[in-house]
Amino acid sequence: MKRLLLVRHGVTDWNEDGRLMGRSDVELNSRGRDQASRVADAISAKTGGAVDAIYTSPQLRTRETATPLAQSSGKEAIVDPELDEVWLSNGWQGKTVAELRGDEHLERVIADPTYRCDAIEPIMDVQQRVVVACERARSAHPGGTVVVVSHGDPLRVIMAHYLGLDLSVFRRLACDNGSLSEIVFNRPGPRLLLLNWQP
């Protein structure tokens, strides 16, 4: 893989309500479907339709986001569980941060993303699994262009890994719904060419 295109799924009603989704299977809303179509058009224009593979998280919202690109490129979107959203406990899933205000563990995770507790998958573990998925894709498609459709934090920690950033600051990388980021791999090392572009 020479080029890695990172796509965050389009917006959902839960995103607009500020709800923590975790692995709840929430579908795109009409704006999210429009974002998915725009991202597909942008990738087709950028690559000339030459996409070697599309990998997606198992969540409905990511699979829906990958669908227009799969249709335009003629490539089937491959579901990879390693690209899944961060796991959340039932106590957090579906709640807003305001509703969870005062939760000691949430406050500590917000202050320090590397904090470990039973309510959320440790970000170090998230990074390990998503990087494994990306490296597997790099090996399978040497010299090619691979698209990964996933979620905000998993995509941020992929970028942090290839940029050599400490996990404590990974949230400084913007990754909005319906956005496209691009990493290229060359001899000096990975370079971030595009961050959080929304077509």
Protein backbone atom coordinates (compact mmCIF):
# COMPACT_ATOMS: atom_id res chain seq x y z
CA MET A 1 0.00 0.00 0.00
CA LYS A 2 1.38 3.35 -1.05
CA ARG A 3 -1.65 5.45 -0.16
CA LEU A 4 -4.05 5.05 2.77
CA LEU A 5 -7.32 6.98 2.58
CA LEU A 6 -9.11 7.24 5.93
CA VAL A 7 -12.84 7.95 5.94
CA ARG A 8 -14.93 8.61 9.02
CA HIS A 9 -18.51 7.45 8.63
CA GLY A 10 -21.20 9.99 7.80
CA VAL A 11 -23.26 11.66 10.48
CA THR A 12 -26.07 9.91 12.36
CA ASP A 13 -28.88 11.20 14.54
CA TRP A 14 -26.88 10.07 17.56
CA ASN A 15 -23.91 12.16 16.42
CA GLU A 16 -26.16 15.16 16.13
CA ASP A 17 -27.59 14.50 19.61
CA GLY A 18 -24.07 14.10 21.07
CA ARG A 19 -24.71 10.50 22.13
CA LEU A 20 -21.86 8.05 22.67
CA MET A 21 -22.50 5.32 20.12
CA GLY A 22 -19.89 2.71 20.90
CA ARG A 23 -20.95 -0.39 19.00
CA SER A 24 -24.66 0.41 18.81
CA ASP A 25 -25.75 -0.23 15.23
CA VAL A 26 -26.96 3.26 14.32
CA GLU A 27 -27.73 4.09 10.70
CA LEU A 28 -26.75 7.21 8.76
CA ASN A 29 -29.28 9.99 8.57
CA SER A 30 -30.01 11.85 5.31
CA ARG A 31 -27.08 14.24 5.82
CA GLY A 32 -24.79 11.27 6.53
CA ARG A 33 -25.86 9.54 3.33
CA ASP A 34 -25.11 12.73 1.40
CA GLN A 35 -21.66 12.88 3.05
CA ALA A 36 -21.00 9.26 2.02
CA SER A 37 -21.88 10.07 -1.59
CA ARG A 38 -19.65 13.17 -1.60
CA VAL A 39 -16.70 11.27 -0.13
CA ALA A 40 -17.10 8.54 -2.75
CA ASP A 41 -17.10 11.13 -5.53
CA ALA A 42 -14.03 12.84 -4.05
CA ILE A 43 -12.09 9.58 -3.79
CA SER A 44 -13.04 8.60 -7.33
CA ALA A 45 -11.82 11.99 -8.59
CA LYS A 46 -8.61 11.80 -6.53
CA THR A 47 -7.69 8.26 -7.59
CA GLY A 48 -9.19 8.16 -11.06
CA GLY A 49 -11.23 5.22 -9.81
CA ALA A 50 -8.08 3.22 -9.07
CA VAL A 51 -8.87 1.93 -5.59
CA ASP A 52 -7.26 -1.40 -4.74
CA ALA A 53 -9.37 -2.25 -1.68
CA ILE A 54 -11.99 -0.90 0.70
CA TYR A 55 -12.03 -2.05 4.31
CA THR A 56 -14.75 -1.12 6.75
CA SER A 57 -15.74 -1.51 10.37
CA PRO A 58 -18.64 -3.93 10.98
CA GLN A 59 -20.96 -1.12 12.12
CA LEU A 60 -23.98 -0.29 9.96
CA ARG A 61 -23.01 3.39 9.71
CA THR A 62 -19.55 2.57 8.30
CA ARG A 63 -20.87 -0.06 5.90
CA GLU A 64 -23.45 2.46 4.64
CA THR A 65 -20.68 5.04 4.21
CA ALA A 66 -18.56 2.58 2.21
CA THR A 67 -21.42 1.54 -0.11
CA PRO A 68 -21.31 4.45 -2.63
CA LEU A 69 -17.55 4.07 -3.03
CA ALA A 70 -17.86 0.31 -3.46
CA GLN A 71 -20.47 0.88 -6.17
CA SER A 72 -18.43 3.52 -8.03
CA SER A 73 -15.10 1.64 -7.79
CA GLY A 74 -16.45 -1.84 -8.47
CA LYS A 75 -14.68 -3.10 -5.31
CA GLU A 76 -16.55 -4.97 -2.61
CA ALA A 77 -16.19 -3.40 0.84
CA ILE A 78 -14.46 -5.92 3.12
CA VAL A 79 -15.66 -5.93 6.73
CA ASP A 80 -12.75 -6.09 9.17
CA PRO A 81 -13.67 -6.42 12.88
CA GLU A 82 -10.29 -4.92 13.83
CA LEU A 83 -11.56 -1.57 12.49
CA ASP A 84 -14.56 -1.53 14.83
CA GLU A 85 -15.54 1.39 17.05
CA VAL A 86 -14.19 1.68 20.57
CA TRP A 87 -16.13 -0.66 22.87
CA LEU A 88 -18.19 1.08 25.57
CA SER A 89 -20.04 -0.38 28.53
CA ASN A 90 -23.84 -0.35 28.52
CA GLY A 91 -23.64 2.33 31.20
CA TRP A 92 -22.08 4.77 28.72
CA GLN A 93 -23.49 3.68 25.38
CA GLY A 94 -26.34 5.87 24.18
CA LYS A 95 -25.71 8.57 26.78
CA THR A 96 -24.48 12.11 26.26
CA VAL A 97 -21.42 13.44 28.05
CA ALA A 98 -23.74 15.81 29.93
CA GLU A 99 -25.80 12.85 31.18
CA LEU A 100 -22.61 11.16 32.38
CA ARG A 101 -21.17 14.27 34.01
CA GLY A 102 -19.81 13.37 37.40
CA ASP A 103 -18.85 9.82 36.36
CA GLU A 104 -15.34 9.53 37.77
CA HIS A 105 -14.09 7.24 35.02
CA LEU A 106 -15.45 9.43 32.20
CA GLU A 107 -13.86 12.51 33.73
CA ARG A 108 -10.51 10.73 33.91
CA VAL A 109 -10.74 9.41 30.33
CA ILE A 110 -11.49 12.94 29.11
CA ALA A 111 -8.48 14.28 31.03
CA ASP A 112 -6.18 11.40 30.03
CA PRO A 113 -7.14 9.26 27.00
CA THR A 114 -4.71 6.54 28.13
CA TYR A 115 -6.56 6.00 31.43
CA ARG A 116 -7.74 2.38 31.83
CA CYS A 117 -11.10 1.38 33.30
CA ASP A 118 -13.82 -1.22 32.74
CA ALA A 119 -16.21 1.23 31.02
CA ILE A 120 -14.23 1.71 27.80
CA GLU A 121 -11.78 -0.24 25.65
CA PRO A 122 -8.24 1.00 26.42
CA ILE A 123 -7.02 3.26 23.63
CA MET A 124 -3.70 1.38 23.52
CA ASP A 125 -5.64 -1.78 22.65
CA VAL A 126 -7.66 0.09 20.03
CA GLN A 127 -4.48 1.37 18.39
CA GLN A 128 -2.91 -2.07 18.38
CA ARG A 129 -5.83 -3.72 16.58
CA VAL A 130 -6.42 -0.97 13.98
CA VAL A 131 -2.73 -0.75 13.11
CA VAL A 132 -2.64 -4.54 12.67
CA ALA A 133 -5.51 -4.16 10.19
CA CYS A 134 -3.71 -1.38 8.29
CA GLU A 135 -0.43 -3.26 8.16
CA ARG A 136 -2.24 -6.35 6.88
CA ALA A 137 -3.78 -4.18 4.14
CA ARG A 138 -0.35 -2.72 3.31
CA SER A 139 1.05 -6.22 2.83
CA ALA A 140 -1.92 -7.35 0.74
CA HIS A 141 -1.80 -4.34 -1.61
CA PRO A 142 1.83 -3.24 -2.07
CA GLY A 143 2.05 -0.03 -4.05
CA GLY A 144 -1.73 0.37 -4.07
CA THR A 145 -4.43 2.66 -2.71
CA VAL A 146 -6.46 1.36 0.23
CA VAL A 147 -9.53 2.99 1.76
CA VAL A 148 -10.39 2.41 5.42
CA VAL A 149 -13.86 3.44 6.63
CA SER A 150 -14.03 3.57 10.40
CA HIS A 151 -14.75 5.80 13.41
CA GLY A 152 -13.28 8.94 14.93
CA ASP A 153 -10.97 7.57 17.61
CA PRO A 154 -9.81 4.48 15.67
CA LEU A 155 -8.87 6.71 12.72
CA ARG A 156 -7.12 9.24 14.95
CA VAL A 157 -4.96 6.55 16.56
CA ILE A 158 -4.05 5.17 13.12
CA MET A 159 -2.80 8.63 12.15
CA ALA A 160 -1.04 9.04 15.50
CA HIS A 161 0.79 5.74 14.97
CA TYR A 162 2.08 6.58 11.50
CA LEU A 163 3.01 10.13 12.53
CA GLY A 164 4.83 8.94 15.66
CA LEU A 165 2.56 10.92 18.00
CA ASP A 166 2.12 10.00 21.65
CA LEU A 167 -1.30 8.53 22.38
CA SER A 168 -1.89 11.11 25.10
CA VAL A 169 -2.38 13.76 22.37
CA PHE A 170 -4.18 11.76 19.67
CA ARG A 171 -7.41 13.72 20.13
CA ARG A 172 -5.68 16.83 18.80
CA LEU A 173 -6.12 15.32 15.33
CA ALA A 174 -9.43 16.47 13.84
CA CYS A 175 -11.59 13.71 12.35
CA ASP A 176 -15.16 14.83 11.74
CA ASN A 177 -18.05 12.83 10.33
CA GLY A 178 -17.86 12.41 6.56
CA SER A 179 -14.21 13.49 6.46
CA LEU A 180 -11.32 12.20 4.37
CA SER A 181 -7.67 12.06 5.48
CA GLU A 182 -4.72 10.74 3.49
CA ILE A 183 -1.41 9.14 4.43
CA VAL A 184 1.21 8.27 1.83
CA PHE A 185 4.08 5.87 2.43
CA ASN A 186 7.44 6.66 0.87
CA ARG A 187 11.10 6.15 1.62
CA PRO A 188 11.50 8.91 4.27
CA GLY A 189 8.44 7.52 6.07
CA PRO A 190 4.68 8.07 6.27
CA ARG A 191 3.41 11.57 5.48
CA LEU A 192 0.00 13.04 6.29
CA LEU A 193 -1.05 14.84 3.13
CA LEU A 194 -4.68 15.52 3.98
CA LEU A 195 -6.47 15.86 7.30
CA ASN A 196 -10.20 16.05 8.02
CA TRP A 197 -11.21 17.27 4.55
CA GLN A 198 -14.97 17.28 4.06
CA PRO A 199 -15.94 17.31 0.38
